């Protein structure tokens, strides 16, 4: 009986620890995303400044027409990769934690 109660207690502790780890993983992932978005906006602002300087150099110094490049990453918001890849990474992490 004491072993059964000890097993039940340890199993409950395990479940609580796993729940805490999931919560921690979610909060860290959200914090990572928020930091990523802030850094991404700063980088995009710098890219826009560089493109504006490039436009001025082309028009005023070189006297040639300037065509604005359209980098694909300027339309992106958040970490690269789709939700499916993120979900798979979380699943792998959970499997590692469980096994």
N, C-alpha and C. Protein backbone atom coordinates (compact mmCIF):
# COMPACT_ATOMS: atom_id res chain seq x y z
N UNK A 1 0.83 -1.21 0.00
CA UNK A 1 0.00 0.00 0.00
C UNK A 1 0.86 1.26 0.00
N UNK A 2 1.92 1.25 0.79
CA UNK A 2 2.78 2.44 0.85
C UNK A 2 3.47 2.66 -0.49
N UNK A 3 3.83 1.56 -1.17
CA UNK A 3 4.44 1.71 -2.49
C UNK A 3 3.43 2.24 -3.50
N UNK A 4 2.19 1.80 -3.41
CA UNK A 4 1.16 2.29 -4.31
C UNK A 4 0.90 3.78 -4.09
N UNK A 5 0.85 4.18 -2.83
CA UNK A 5 0.63 5.61 -2.55
C UNK A 5 1.83 6.44 -2.97
N UNK A 6 3.02 5.89 -2.82
CA UNK A 6 4.24 6.58 -3.27
C UNK A 6 4.24 6.72 -4.79
N UNK A 7 3.85 5.65 -5.47
CA UNK A 7 3.75 5.69 -6.93
C UNK A 7 2.74 6.73 -7.39
N UNK A 8 1.58 6.77 -6.73
CA UNK A 8 0.55 7.76 -7.08
C UNK A 8 1.07 9.18 -6.85
N UNK A 9 1.79 9.37 -5.74
CA UNK A 9 2.33 10.70 -5.44
C UNK A 9 3.36 11.12 -6.48
N UNK A 10 4.25 10.19 -6.85
CA UNK A 10 5.28 10.50 -7.84
C UNK A 10 4.65 10.74 -9.21
N UNK A 11 3.63 9.96 -9.56
CA UNK A 11 2.94 10.16 -10.84
C UNK A 11 2.29 11.53 -10.88
N UNK A 12 1.70 11.95 -9.78
CA UNK A 12 1.07 13.28 -9.70
C UNK A 12 2.13 14.38 -9.83
N UNK A 13 3.26 14.19 -9.17
CA UNK A 13 4.35 15.17 -9.29
C UNK A 13 4.85 15.26 -10.72
N UNK A 14 4.94 14.11 -11.37
CA UNK A 14 5.37 14.07 -12.77
C UNK A 14 4.40 14.87 -13.65
N UNK A 15 3.11 14.65 -13.45
CA UNK A 15 2.11 15.36 -14.24
C UNK A 15 2.20 16.87 -14.00
N UNK A 16 2.39 17.28 -12.74
CA UNK A 16 2.52 18.70 -12.42
C UNK A 16 3.77 19.29 -13.08
N UNK A 17 4.87 18.55 -13.02
CA UNK A 17 6.12 19.02 -13.63
C UNK A 17 5.96 19.14 -15.13
N UNK A 18 5.32 18.16 -15.74
CA UNK A 18 5.11 18.21 -17.19
C UNK A 18 4.23 19.40 -17.56
N UNK A 19 3.20 19.65 -16.77
CA UNK A 19 2.33 20.79 -17.02
C UNK A 19 3.09 22.10 -16.90
N UNK A 20 3.93 22.21 -15.89
CA UNK A 20 4.74 23.43 -15.72
C UNK A 20 5.70 23.61 -16.88
N UNK A 21 6.28 22.51 -17.33
CA UNK A 21 7.22 22.58 -18.45
C UNK A 21 6.51 23.03 -19.73
N UNK A 22 5.31 22.54 -19.95
CA UNK A 22 4.53 22.98 -21.12
C UNK A 22 4.22 24.47 -21.05
N UNK A 23 3.80 24.91 -19.86
CA UNK A 23 3.51 26.34 -19.68
C UNK A 23 4.76 27.18 -19.91
N UNK A 24 5.87 26.72 -19.39
CA UNK A 24 7.13 27.44 -19.57
C UNK A 24 7.52 27.48 -21.04
N UNK A 25 7.37 26.36 -21.73
CA UNK A 25 7.71 26.31 -23.16
C UNK A 25 6.82 27.26 -23.95
N UNK A 26 5.54 27.31 -23.62
CA UNK A 26 4.63 28.22 -24.32
C UNK A 26 5.01 29.67 -24.07
N UNK A 27 5.30 30.01 -22.81
CA UNK A 27 5.63 31.40 -22.50
C UNK A 27 6.95 31.80 -23.13
N UNK A 28 7.92 30.90 -23.15
CA UNK A 28 9.20 31.20 -23.80
C UNK A 28 9.03 31.36 -25.30
N UNK A 29 8.20 30.52 -25.90
CA UNK A 29 7.96 30.63 -27.34
C UNK A 29 7.30 31.96 -27.67
N UNK A 30 6.35 32.38 -26.86
CA UNK A 30 5.68 33.66 -27.09
C UNK A 30 6.65 34.82 -26.89
N UNK A 31 7.47 34.74 -25.87
CA UNK A 31 8.46 35.80 -25.63
C UNK A 31 9.44 35.86 -26.80
N UNK A 32 9.89 34.71 -27.28
CA UNK A 32 10.79 34.66 -28.43
C UNK A 32 10.15 35.33 -29.63
N UNK A 33 8.87 35.02 -29.89
CA UNK A 33 8.17 35.61 -31.03
C UNK A 33 8.07 37.12 -30.90
N UNK A 34 7.74 37.61 -29.69
CA UNK A 34 7.64 39.06 -29.49
C UNK A 34 8.98 39.75 -29.74
N UNK A 35 10.06 39.18 -29.22
CA UNK A 35 11.39 39.75 -29.43
C UNK A 35 11.75 39.70 -30.91
N UNK A 36 11.42 38.59 -31.56
CA UNK A 36 11.69 38.45 -32.99
C UNK A 36 11.00 39.57 -33.78
N UNK A 37 9.72 39.79 -33.50
CA UNK A 37 8.95 40.78 -34.24
C UNK A 37 9.54 42.18 -34.04
N UNK A 38 9.94 42.50 -32.81
CA UNK A 38 10.54 43.82 -32.56
C UNK A 38 11.84 43.96 -33.35
N UNK A 39 12.70 42.95 -33.29
CA UNK A 39 13.96 43.00 -34.03
C UNK A 39 13.72 43.04 -35.53
N UNK A 40 12.71 42.32 -35.97
CA UNK A 40 12.39 42.30 -37.39
C UNK A 40 11.95 43.68 -37.87
N UNK A 41 11.14 44.36 -37.07
CA UNK A 41 10.70 45.71 -37.44
C UNK A 41 11.88 46.67 -37.50
N UNK A 42 12.80 46.55 -36.55
CA UNK A 42 13.99 47.40 -36.56
C UNK A 42 14.82 47.12 -37.81
N UNK A 43 14.99 45.86 -38.14
CA UNK A 43 15.76 45.50 -39.34
C UNK A 43 15.09 46.02 -40.60
N UNK A 44 13.78 45.90 -40.67
CA UNK A 44 13.06 46.40 -41.84
C UNK A 44 13.19 47.91 -41.97
N UNK A 45 13.19 48.62 -40.84
CA UNK A 45 13.37 50.07 -40.87
C UNK A 45 14.75 50.41 -41.42
N UNK A 46 15.76 49.68 -41.00
CA UNK A 46 17.12 49.90 -41.51
C UNK A 46 17.20 49.58 -43.01
N UNK A 47 16.53 48.54 -43.43
CA UNK A 47 16.51 48.18 -44.85
C UNK A 47 15.85 49.28 -45.66
N UNK A 48 14.73 49.82 -45.13
CA UNK A 48 14.06 50.92 -45.84
C UNK A 48 14.97 52.14 -45.96
N UNK A 49 15.73 52.44 -44.91
CA UNK A 49 16.68 53.56 -44.97
C UNK A 49 17.75 53.31 -46.02
N UNK A 50 18.27 52.09 -46.07
CA UNK A 50 19.29 51.75 -47.06
C UNK A 50 18.72 51.84 -48.47
N UNK A 51 17.49 51.40 -48.66
CA UNK A 51 16.86 51.50 -49.98
C UNK A 51 16.64 52.96 -50.37
N UNK A 52 16.27 53.79 -49.41
CA UNK A 52 16.08 55.22 -49.71
C UNK A 52 17.41 55.85 -50.12
N UNK A 53 18.49 55.50 -49.42
CA UNK A 53 19.81 56.00 -49.79
C UNK A 53 20.21 55.51 -51.18
N UNK A 54 19.93 54.24 -51.45
CA UNK A 54 20.23 53.67 -52.77
C UNK A 54 19.46 54.40 -53.87
N UNK A 55 18.20 54.72 -53.59
CA UNK A 55 17.38 55.45 -54.58
C UNK A 55 17.98 56.83 -54.85
N UNK A 56 18.39 57.53 -53.78
CA UNK A 56 18.98 58.86 -53.95
C UNK A 56 20.29 58.78 -54.74
N UNK A 57 21.09 57.81 -54.44
CA UNK A 57 22.36 57.66 -55.16
C UNK A 57 22.10 57.42 -56.64
N UNK A 58 21.16 56.53 -56.93
CA UNK A 58 20.84 56.25 -58.33
C UNK A 58 20.33 57.50 -59.04
N UNK A 59 19.40 58.19 -58.41
CA UNK A 59 18.75 59.33 -59.06
C UNK A 59 19.65 60.55 -59.13
N UNK A 60 20.27 60.92 -58.01
CA UNK A 60 20.99 62.19 -57.95
C UNK A 60 22.46 62.06 -58.38
N UNK A 61 23.12 61.01 -57.98
CA UNK A 61 24.55 60.89 -58.27
C UNK A 61 24.83 60.18 -59.60
N UNK A 62 24.10 59.13 -59.84
CA UNK A 62 24.36 58.35 -61.05
C UNK A 62 23.47 58.76 -62.21
N UNK A 63 22.35 59.36 -61.90
CA UNK A 63 21.43 59.80 -62.95
C UNK A 63 20.80 58.65 -63.71
N UNK A 64 20.63 57.53 -63.07
CA UNK A 64 19.99 56.39 -63.74
C UNK A 64 18.70 56.04 -63.00
N UNK A 65 17.76 55.45 -63.71
CA UNK A 65 16.50 55.11 -63.04
C UNK A 65 16.72 54.02 -61.99
N UNK A 66 15.92 54.12 -60.95
CA UNK A 66 16.04 53.18 -59.85
C UNK A 66 14.78 52.36 -59.76
N UNK A 67 14.93 51.07 -59.68
CA UNK A 67 13.79 50.18 -59.49
C UNK A 67 13.88 49.61 -58.08
N UNK A 68 12.78 49.75 -57.35
CA UNK A 68 12.77 49.26 -55.98
C UNK A 68 12.74 47.73 -55.98
N UNK A 69 13.73 47.12 -55.33
CA UNK A 69 13.66 45.65 -55.20
C UNK A 69 12.57 45.30 -54.21
N UNK A 70 12.00 44.15 -54.39
CA UNK A 70 10.94 43.73 -53.47
C UNK A 70 11.37 42.44 -52.80
N UNK A 71 12.20 42.57 -51.75
CA UNK A 71 12.62 41.35 -51.05
C UNK A 71 11.43 40.67 -50.37
N UNK A 72 11.36 39.37 -50.49
CA UNK A 72 10.23 38.61 -49.95
C UNK A 72 10.12 38.75 -48.45
N UNK A 73 11.24 38.91 -47.76
CA UNK A 73 11.20 38.95 -46.29
C UNK A 73 10.61 40.23 -45.74
N UNK A 74 10.44 41.25 -46.57
CA UNK A 74 9.84 42.49 -46.08
C UNK A 74 8.35 42.29 -45.80
N UNK A 75 7.74 41.30 -46.41
CA UNK A 75 6.32 41.01 -46.18
C UNK A 75 6.11 40.06 -45.00
N UNK A 76 7.17 39.44 -44.55
CA UNK A 76 7.07 38.46 -43.47
C UNK A 76 6.92 39.16 -42.12
N UNK A 77 6.13 38.56 -41.25
CA UNK A 77 6.03 39.02 -39.86
C UNK A 77 6.16 37.80 -38.97
N UNK A 78 7.13 37.83 -38.09
CA UNK A 78 7.35 36.72 -37.18
C UNK A 78 8.43 35.79 -37.67
N UNK A 79 8.79 34.82 -36.85
CA UNK A 79 9.85 33.87 -37.22
C UNK A 79 9.53 33.14 -38.51
N UNK A 80 10.57 32.84 -39.25
CA UNK A 80 10.40 32.15 -40.53
C UNK A 80 9.92 30.73 -40.30
N UNK A 81 9.21 30.21 -41.25
CA UNK A 81 8.70 28.85 -41.14
C UNK A 81 7.22 28.88 -40.82
N UNK A 82 6.52 27.88 -41.29
CA UNK A 82 5.08 27.83 -41.07
C UNK A 82 4.72 27.26 -39.72
N UNK A 83 3.46 27.32 -39.41
CA UNK A 83 2.97 26.78 -38.14
C UNK A 83 3.24 25.29 -38.02
N UNK A 84 3.16 24.59 -39.13
CA UNK A 84 3.38 23.14 -39.10
C UNK A 84 4.77 22.82 -38.56
N UNK A 85 5.79 23.57 -39.02
CA UNK A 85 7.15 23.33 -38.55
C UNK A 85 7.26 23.63 -37.06
N UNK A 86 6.61 24.68 -36.60
CA UNK A 86 6.65 25.02 -35.19
C UNK A 86 5.98 23.92 -34.37
N UNK A 87 4.85 23.46 -34.84
CA UNK A 87 4.13 22.42 -34.12
C UNK A 87 4.97 21.16 -34.04
N UNK A 88 5.64 20.82 -35.11
CA UNK A 88 6.47 19.63 -35.10
C UNK A 88 7.62 19.78 -34.10
N UNK A 89 8.20 20.96 -34.02
CA UNK A 89 9.29 21.19 -33.07
C UNK A 89 8.78 21.04 -31.64
N UNK A 90 7.60 21.56 -31.37
CA UNK A 90 7.02 21.43 -30.03
C UNK A 90 6.74 19.96 -29.75
N UNK A 91 6.22 19.25 -30.73
CA UNK A 91 5.94 17.83 -30.53
C UNK A 91 7.23 17.07 -30.23
N UNK A 92 8.29 17.38 -30.95
CA UNK A 92 9.59 16.70 -30.71
C UNK A 92 10.06 17.02 -29.30
N UNK A 93 9.94 18.27 -28.89
CA UNK A 93 10.38 18.66 -27.54
C UNK A 93 9.56 17.90 -26.50
N UNK A 94 8.26 17.82 -26.70
CA UNK A 94 7.41 17.12 -25.73
C UNK A 94 7.78 15.63 -25.68
N UNK A 95 8.05 15.04 -26.84
CA UNK A 95 8.44 13.63 -26.87
C UNK A 95 9.74 13.42 -26.10
N UNK A 96 10.67 14.36 -26.27
CA UNK A 96 11.94 14.24 -25.57
C UNK A 96 11.74 14.36 -24.06
N UNK A 97 10.84 15.26 -23.66
CA UNK A 97 10.58 15.44 -22.24
C UNK A 97 9.87 14.23 -21.64
N UNK A 98 8.99 13.62 -22.42
CA UNK A 98 8.26 12.47 -21.92
C UNK A 98 9.12 11.20 -21.93
N UNK A 99 9.92 11.06 -22.94
CA UNK A 99 10.68 9.82 -23.09
C UNK A 99 12.09 10.01 -22.69
